[in-house]
Amino acid sequence: MSPEIWSVSDFVAVLNQTLEYAYPTVLVSGELANFRVSKNRWVYFDLKDDDASLRCFGTVYQLPGPLEDGMMLTVRAQPRLHPLYGFSLNTQAIQVSGEGSLKRAADLLAAKLDAEGLFAPERKRLLPYPPSRIGLITSGESAAYADFNKILNARWGGLVIEHADVQVQGEAAIPQIVQAIERFNAMARPPEVLVLTRGGGSADDLAAFSAEPVVRAVAASRIPTLVAIGHEIDTSLAELAADQRASTPSNAAELLVPDRRHILDQLATYRQDFARLITQRYAVERQTLDNVMADARAAVQDLLGRASDRLTADQRLLAALSPQTALQRGFAIVRQDGKVVHRLKQVTPGTAEVEFADGRVAVTIKENHG
């Protein structure tokens, strides 16, 4: 039996159907070669190892950042046989892999974003301290999630934490993190601060936090951002773009809120200081009042003394000018018709009254020889 003869088009169609059924998607890892971008949209490159090479095709929107030949990539793609251009892998996602390649990719992207000003210190904003509402972006099953909440509640408590449960490594991490940042920013009442965090890990594990979409989303957030990745050797690009970075998830909680025990100790100290100041102030004011009262008493005593002296002098003057005093000295007062007689010419014949110091006597005046 002779073999079936295919037309070229039929063979390409059947092979693509077979590939789509047998290998709808594949993950291929290899070294990047012949990388180029066409019309700022299409991406062409080869993946190779020591024994083979595969042609790859995709779009710039799938790139994790700037790439260059020699980097190690892991590509998720659909195997396809093009009618004109032959076999290729149509990429769906591109990830840099391998510590050296990741470092180089991060360096290239860092230089690009730094030139755009995304890491500039003047872009950094102060975080609210303490915030009342926090947007937390991390895996809900991670130790980072547990550590952050534990330290936050132990130090302060009473905060509203809105959690976006995302993957923090692997291919799905990048779009999930970007979507979480955008979702928080689109809220009518957004959180006061966004916290993007995870624990430590290898360079491959942490690659999502240096991916260009994530870094740009952090930089573009209108909500102040705090990025805390649990590693100390290298700094991810998302940390450089954030308003503030923390060394660990626990450190992020420490930066956001004070320790209430410390605040209570401070309040107790302030209370003691205030009580001491009140006591001191009371003593000073009491002494001042005592001095004022003493001065007032002295002034009143002096006023009363001078008034008493004036009264005594007036009493002496009145006593000296009193008719009774004159009578005591041997003088007498003559009255006629009820009126005091001051001169002889006022005296008329008739009765008169003469007052002495020890009494009065009636007299009869027969004639006035004045």
Protein backbone atom coordinates (compact mmCIF):
# COMPACT_ATOMS: atom_id res chain seq x y z
CA MET A 1 0.00 0.00 0.00
CA SER A 2 1.46 3.28 -1.07
CA PRO A 3 1.68 6.11 1.53
CA GLU A 4 -0.88 8.91 1.39
CA ILE A 5 0.31 11.98 -0.43
CA TRP A 6 -0.39 15.35 1.30
CA SER A 7 -0.40 18.78 -0.10
CA VAL A 8 1.89 21.14 1.74
CA SER A 9 -1.02 23.15 3.17
CA ASP A 10 -2.85 20.00 4.30
CA PHE A 11 0.26 18.66 5.95
CA VAL A 12 0.84 21.92 7.80
CA ALA A 13 -2.78 22.01 8.96
CA VAL A 14 -2.82 18.37 10.12
CA LEU A 15 0.52 18.71 11.89
CA ASN A 16 -0.68 21.83 13.71
CA GLN A 17 -3.84 19.99 14.75
CA THR A 18 -1.72 17.14 16.04
CA LEU A 19 0.58 19.50 17.90
CA GLU A 20 -2.35 21.39 19.39
CA TYR A 21 -3.86 18.13 20.64
CA ALA A 22 -0.64 16.54 21.88
CA TYR A 23 1.18 19.65 23.09
CA PRO A 24 -1.23 22.58 23.56
CA THR A 25 1.50 24.38 25.54
CA VAL A 26 5.09 23.54 26.37
CA LEU A 27 7.70 24.95 28.72
CA VAL A 28 11.13 25.18 27.14
CA SER A 29 14.27 26.45 28.80
CA GLY A 30 17.38 27.54 26.95
CA GLU A 31 19.88 30.24 26.15
CA LEU A 32 18.64 33.38 24.36
CA ALA A 33 20.18 34.04 20.94
CA ASN A 34 19.49 36.29 17.95
CA PHE A 35 17.12 38.46 19.95
CA ARG A 36 15.46 41.30 18.02
CA VAL A 37 12.37 43.50 18.15
CA SER A 38 10.46 44.49 15.04
CA LYS A 39 8.31 47.63 14.76
CA ASN A 40 8.34 48.00 18.57
CA ARG A 41 5.80 45.19 18.73
CA TRP A 42 7.03 41.81 17.48
CA VAL A 43 9.79 39.80 19.16
CA TYR A 44 11.96 37.21 17.43
CA PHE A 45 14.63 35.07 19.08
CA ASP A 46 16.12 31.61 19.30
CA LEU A 47 16.35 29.31 22.31
CA LYS A 48 19.35 27.00 22.16
CA ASP A 49 21.45 24.55 24.10
CA ASP A 50 24.59 22.66 23.13
CA ASP A 51 22.82 20.42 20.62
CA ALA A 52 19.76 22.23 19.25
CA SER A 53 18.06 25.53 18.55
CA LEU A 54 14.37 26.56 18.41
CA ARG A 55 12.93 29.64 16.75
CA CYS A 56 10.54 31.67 18.91
CA PHE A 57 8.03 34.40 18.15
CA GLY A 58 6.01 36.70 20.43
CA THR A 59 5.09 40.29 21.33
CA VAL A 60 6.89 42.93 23.39
CA TYR A 61 4.06 42.81 25.94
CA GLN A 62 5.28 39.39 27.03
CA LEU A 63 8.80 40.57 27.82
CA PRO A 64 9.71 40.67 31.54
CA GLY A 65 12.09 43.54 30.80
CA PRO A 66 15.14 44.26 28.67
CA LEU A 67 16.81 41.08 27.35
CA GLU A 68 20.09 40.36 25.66
CA ASP A 69 21.68 37.33 24.03
CA GLY A 70 23.23 34.83 26.41
CA MET A 71 20.53 35.02 29.06
CA MET A 72 18.74 31.86 30.15
CA LEU A 73 14.99 31.93 29.51
CA THR A 74 12.05 29.70 30.31
CA VAL A 75 9.31 30.12 27.70
CA ARG A 76 5.71 28.94 27.80
CA ALA A 77 4.61 28.58 24.20
CA GLN A 78 2.49 26.83 21.61
CA PRO A 79 4.43 24.73 19.03
CA ARG A 80 3.38 25.78 15.53
CA LEU A 81 4.41 25.11 11.93
CA HIS A 82 3.94 28.27 9.90
CA PRO A 83 3.02 27.77 6.21
CA LEU A 84 5.79 30.14 5.08
CA TYR A 85 8.25 30.60 7.92
CA GLY A 86 8.57 27.09 9.25
CA PHE A 87 8.44 25.73 12.78
CA SER A 88 8.51 28.07 15.78
CA LEU A 89 7.36 28.40 19.35
CA ASN A 90 4.61 31.05 19.64
CA THR A 91 5.33 32.44 23.09
CA GLN A 92 2.67 33.03 25.72
CA ALA A 93 4.98 34.00 28.59
CA ILE A 94 8.70 34.65 28.94
CA GLN A 95 10.66 34.37 32.15
CA VAL A 96 14.34 34.93 32.81
CA SER A 97 15.89 32.02 34.69
CA GLY A 98 19.25 31.27 36.21
CA GLU A 99 20.91 33.49 38.79
CA GLY A 100 23.35 35.12 36.38
CA SER A 101 20.69 35.84 33.78
CA LEU A 102 18.31 37.21 36.39
CA LYS A 103 21.02 39.52 37.71
CA ARG A 104 21.84 40.76 34.24
CA ALA A 105 18.17 41.26 33.34
CA ALA A 106 17.62 43.18 36.57
CA ASP A 107 20.66 45.36 35.86
CA LEU A 108 19.41 46.19 32.36
CA LEU A 109 15.93 47.00 33.61
CA ALA A 110 17.30 49.00 36.54
CA ALA A 111 19.35 51.16 34.20
CA LYS A 112 16.31 51.73 31.97
CA LEU A 113 13.94 52.63 34.80
CA ASP A 114 16.53 54.72 36.62
CA ALA A 115 16.98 56.78 33.47
CA GLU A 116 13.22 57.36 33.49
CA GLY A 117 13.40 58.61 37.10
CA LEU A 118 11.36 55.82 38.69
CA PHE A 119 13.90 55.38 41.51
CA ALA A 120 14.49 59.10 42.17
CA PRO A 121 14.48 60.02 45.88
CA GLU A 122 12.31 63.09 45.24
CA ARG A 123 9.50 60.76 44.14
CA LYS A 124 9.36 59.08 47.53
CA ARG A 125 6.40 59.89 49.74
CA LEU A 126 6.10 59.64 53.50
CA LEU A 127 3.97 56.78 54.75
CA PRO A 128 1.07 57.59 57.09
CA TYR A 129 2.06 56.77 60.68
CA PRO A 130 0.22 54.86 61.86
CA PRO A 131 -2.25 54.12 59.06
CA SER A 132 -5.79 53.07 59.87
CA ARG A 133 -6.30 51.02 56.66
CA ILE A 134 -3.67 48.86 54.94
CA GLY A 135 -3.77 47.07 51.62
CA LEU A 136 -1.71 43.87 51.95
CA ILE A 137 -0.54 42.11 48.78
CA THR A 138 0.95 38.66 49.42
CA SER A 139 0.09 35.00 49.50
CA GLY A 140 -2.45 34.22 52.21
CA GLU A 141 -0.74 30.91 52.93
CA SER A 142 2.74 32.37 53.32
CA ALA A 143 4.78 32.93 56.46
CA ALA A 144 5.09 36.55 55.35
CA TYR A 145 1.32 37.00 55.70
CA ALA A 146 1.32 35.43 59.17
CA ASP A 147 4.40 37.32 60.39
CA PHE A 148 3.16 40.70 59.17
CA ASN A 149 -0.24 40.35 60.83
CA LYS A 150 1.21 38.93 64.04
CA ILE A 151 3.68 41.78 64.54
CA LEU A 152 1.16 44.42 63.45
CA ASN A 153 -1.48 43.27 65.94
CA ALA A 154 1.06 42.78 68.73
CA ARG A 155 2.44 46.29 68.32
CA TRP A 156 -0.72 48.30 67.67
CA GLY A 157 -3.90 46.49 66.64
CA GLY A 158 -7.29 47.86 65.65
CA LEU A 159 -6.29 48.39 62.01
CA VAL A 160 -8.32 47.45 58.93
CA ILE A 161 -6.24 45.16 56.68
CA GLU A 162 -7.59 44.48 53.18
CA HIS A 163 -5.78 41.45 51.79
CA ALA A 164 -5.18 40.67 48.11
CA ASP A 165 -4.23 36.99 47.94
CA VAL A 166 -1.68 36.60 45.12
CA GLN A 167 1.07 34.23 44.10
CA VAL A 168 4.48 35.67 44.89
CA GLN A 169 6.59 33.54 42.56
CA GLY A 170 6.18 31.82 39.25
CA GLU A 171 4.63 32.92 36.00
CA ALA A 172 1.24 33.87 37.48
CA ALA A 173 2.74 36.12 40.16
CA ILE A 174 3.47 39.08 37.90
CA PRO A 175 -0.06 39.68 36.51
CA GLN A 176 -1.68 38.92 39.87
CA ILE A 177 0.49 41.45 41.71
CA VAL A 178 -0.08 44.10 39.04
CA GLN A 179 -3.83 43.53 39.12
CA ALA A 180 -3.90 43.75 42.93
CA ILE A 181 -2.07 47.10 42.90
CA GLU A 182 -4.40 48.46 40.22
CA ARG A 183 -7.48 47.18 42.04
CA PHE A 184 -6.53 48.90 45.28
CA ASN A 185 -5.80 52.14 43.43
CA ALA A 186 -9.19 52.00 41.69
CA MET A 187 -11.14 51.82 44.98
CA ALA A 188 -13.42 54.73 45.86
CA ARG A 189 -11.91 54.66 49.35
CA PRO A 190 -8.47 53.14 48.89
CA PRO A 191 -6.17 52.05 51.74
CA GLU A 192 -3.74 54.59 53.15
CA VAL A 193 -0.72 52.42 52.31
CA LEU A 194 0.00 49.35 50.16
CA VAL A 195 2.30 46.64 51.51
CA LEU A 196 3.79 44.21 48.97
CA THR A 197 5.67 41.45 50.78
CA ARG A 198 7.01 37.91 50.78
CA GLY A 199 9.72 35.95 52.53
CA GLY A 200 13.17 35.17 51.19
CA GLY A 201 14.06 32.79 48.44
CA SER A 202 16.32 32.11 45.50
CA ALA A 203 16.84 34.51 42.63
CA ASP A 204 14.26 32.57 40.59
CA ASP A 205 11.76 32.76 43.47
CA LEU A 206 12.12 36.53 43.74
CA ALA A 207 12.19 37.29 40.02
CA ALA A 208 8.61 38.58 39.94
CA PHE A 209 9.59 41.54 42.15
CA SER A 210 12.09 42.72 39.55
CA ALA A 211 9.77 42.24 36.58
CA GLU A 212 9.06 45.43 34.66
CA PRO A 213 5.23 45.30 34.96
CA VAL A 214 5.44 44.93 38.75
CA VAL A 215 8.05 47.67 39.13
CA ARG A 216 6.04 50.08 36.98
CA ALA A 217 2.83 49.29 38.88
CA VAL A 218 4.55 50.03 42.20
CA ALA A 219 5.98 53.29 40.85
CA ALA A 220 2.62 54.36 39.38
CA SER A 221 0.59 53.67 42.53
CA ARG A 222 -1.19 56.76 43.83
CA ILE A 223 -1.28 55.00 47.21
CA PRO A 224 2.05 55.18 49.09
CA THR A 225 3.87 51.84 48.85
CA LEU A 226 5.99 49.74 51.19
CA VAL A 227 7.77 46.73 49.67
CA ALA A 228 9.25 44.15 52.04
CA ILE A 229 11.08 41.17 50.56
CA GLY A 230 12.70 38.86 53.08
CA HIS A 231 16.22 38.87 51.75
CA GLU A 232 19.28 41.01 52.44
CA ILE A 233 21.78 40.12 49.70
CA ASP A 234 20.14 41.88 46.74
CA THR A 235 17.48 44.55 46.48
CA SER A 236 14.59 43.90 44.11
CA LEU A 237 13.62 46.64 41.67
CA ALA A 238 10.15 46.89 43.22
CA GLU A 239 11.85 47.91 46.47
CA LEU A 240 13.76 50.65 44.64
CA ALA A 241 10.54 51.97 43.09
CA ALA A 242 8.58 51.86 46.37
CA ASP A 243 8.18 54.86 48.65
CA GLN A 244 9.84 52.82 51.39
CA ARG A 245 11.37 49.36 51.68
CA ALA A 246 11.65 46.99 54.61
CA SER A 247 14.05 44.12 55.16
CA THR A 248 11.38 41.57 56.18
CA PRO A 249 7.58 41.34 56.53
CA SER A 250 8.01 41.78 60.28
CA ASN A 251 10.13 44.88 59.72
CA ALA A 252 7.38 46.27 57.48
CA ALA A 253 4.92 46.03 60.38
CA GLU A 254 7.44 47.69 62.68
CA LEU A 255 7.86 50.59 60.25
CA LEU A 256 4.12 51.15 59.89
CA VAL A 257 3.00 51.28 63.52
CA PRO A 258 4.55 52.16 66.90
CA ASP A 259 4.82 49.73 69.78
CA ARG A 260 1.85 50.45 72.03
CA ARG A 261 3.80 49.27 75.08
CA HIS A 262 6.39 51.92 74.35
CA ILE A 263 3.63 54.50 73.84
CA LEU A 264 2.01 53.51 77.15
CA ASP A 265 5.37 53.81 78.90
CA GLN A 266 5.82 57.24 77.34
CA LEU A 267 2.35 58.29 78.45
CA ALA A 268 3.10 57.14 82.00
CA THR A 269 6.32 59.18 81.94
CA TYR A 270 4.48 62.19 80.56
CA ARG A 271 1.84 61.80 83.27
CA GLN A 272 4.50 61.76 85.98
CA ASP A 273 6.28 64.74 84.47
CA PHE A 274 3.01 66.62 84.18
CA ALA A 275 2.08 65.84 87.79
CA ARG A 276 5.51 67.02 88.93
CA LEU A 277 5.19 70.22 86.90
CA ILE A 278 1.71 70.85 88.33
CA THR A 279 3.03 70.35 91.86
CA GLN A 280 5.96 72.67 91.22
CA ARG A 281 3.72 75.24 89.59
CA TYR A 282 1.25 75.03 92.47
CA ALA A 283 4.06 75.59 94.97
CA VAL A 284 5.33 78.62 93.04
CA GLU A 285 1.85 80.09 92.65
CA ARG A 286 1.05 79.39 96.31
CA GLN A 287 4.24 81.14 97.39
CA THR A 288 3.43 84.04 95.10
CA LEU A 289 -0.10 84.23 96.55
CA ASP A 290 1.29 84.09 100.11
CA ASN A 291 3.68 86.94 99.27
CA VAL A 292 0.85 88.96 97.74
CA MET A 293 -1.36 88.31 100.78
CA ALA A 294 1.47 89.29 103.14
CA ASP A 295 2.08 92.48 101.17
CA ALA A 296 -1.66 93.19 101.15
CA ARG A 297 -1.92 92.65 104.92
CA ALA A 298 1.07 94.91 105.49
CA ALA A 299 -0.44 97.56 103.21
CA VAL A 300 -3.80 97.32 105.01
CA GLN A 301 -2.09 97.51 108.40
CA ASP A 302 -0.12 100.53 107.28
CA LEU A 303 -3.28 102.16 105.93
CA LEU A 304 -5.16 101.40 109.13
CA GLY A 305 -2.26 102.72 111.21
CA ARG A 306 -2.12 105.98 109.30
CA ALA A 307 -5.91 106.31 109.45
CA SER A 308 -5.80 105.67 113.19
CA ASP A 309 -3.10 108.31 113.62
CA ARG A 310 -5.20 110.81 111.66
CA LEU A 311 -8.26 109.92 113.74
CA THR A 312 -6.32 110.41 116.97
CA ALA A 313 -5.01 113.76 115.76
CA ASP A 314 -8.52 114.81 114.72
CA GLN A 315 -9.89 113.69 118.07
CA ARG A 316 -7.24 115.77 119.86
CA LEU A 317 -8.03 118.75 117.66
CA LEU A 318 -11.73 118.34 118.30
CA ALA A 319 -11.07 118.01 122.02
CA ALA A 320 -8.94 121.15 121.96
CA LEU A 321 -11.64 123.07 120.10
CA SER A 322 -14.52 121.69 122.24
CA PRO A 323 -16.44 124.29 124.37
CA GLN A 324 -16.28 121.82 127.23
CA THR A 325 -12.50 122.10 127.22
CA ALA A 326 -12.80 125.90 127.52
CA LEU A 327 -15.24 125.46 130.36
CA GLN A 328 -12.75 123.15 132.10
CA ARG A 329 -10.21 125.91 131.92
CA GLY A 330 -12.57 128.29 133.87
CA PHE A 331 -14.47 129.94 131.08
CA ALA A 332 -18.29 130.17 131.01
CA ILE A 333 -20.89 130.41 128.32
CA VAL A 334 -23.63 133.04 128.56
CA ARG A 335 -26.88 132.44 126.78
CA GLN A 336 -29.80 134.82 126.52
CA ASP A 337 -32.99 133.93 124.79
CA GLY A 338 -31.39 130.58 123.95
CA LYS A 339 -28.55 132.17 122.01
CA VAL A 340 -24.89 132.26 122.96
CA VAL A 341 -23.80 135.80 123.78
CA HIS A 342 -20.42 136.54 122.19
CA ARG A 343 -20.13 140.31 122.96
CA LEU A 344 -21.23 142.62 125.74
CA LYS A 345 -23.36 144.72 123.44
CA GLN A 346 -25.50 141.67 122.80
CA VAL A 347 -26.54 141.52 126.48
CA THR A 348 -29.86 143.08 127.38
CA PRO A 349 -31.45 143.54 130.82
CA GLY A 350 -33.45 140.49 131.79
CA THR A 351 -32.76 136.89 132.57
CA ALA A 352 -29.72 134.97 131.22
CA GLU A 353 -28.11 131.57 131.65
CA VAL A 354 -24.50 131.06 132.53
CA GLU A 355 -22.95 127.63 131.85
CA PHE A 356 -19.90 126.49 133.79
CA ALA A 357 -17.97 123.28 133.57
CA ASP A 358 -19.94 121.71 136.37
CA GLY A 359 -23.39 123.09 135.61
CA ARG A 360 -25.59 126.04 134.72
CA VAL A 361 -27.05 128.98 136.70
CA ALA A 362 -29.78 131.53 135.86
CA VAL A 363 -28.96 135.19 136.46
CA THR A 364 -30.84 138.49 136.19
CA ILE A 365 -29.22 141.31 134.33
CA LYS A 366 -30.38 144.67 135.49
CA GLU A 367 -28.37 146.88 133.18
CA ASN A 368 -25.51 146.79 130.57
CA HIS A 369 -22.60 149.14 131.38
CA GLY A 370 -20.89 148.46 128.08
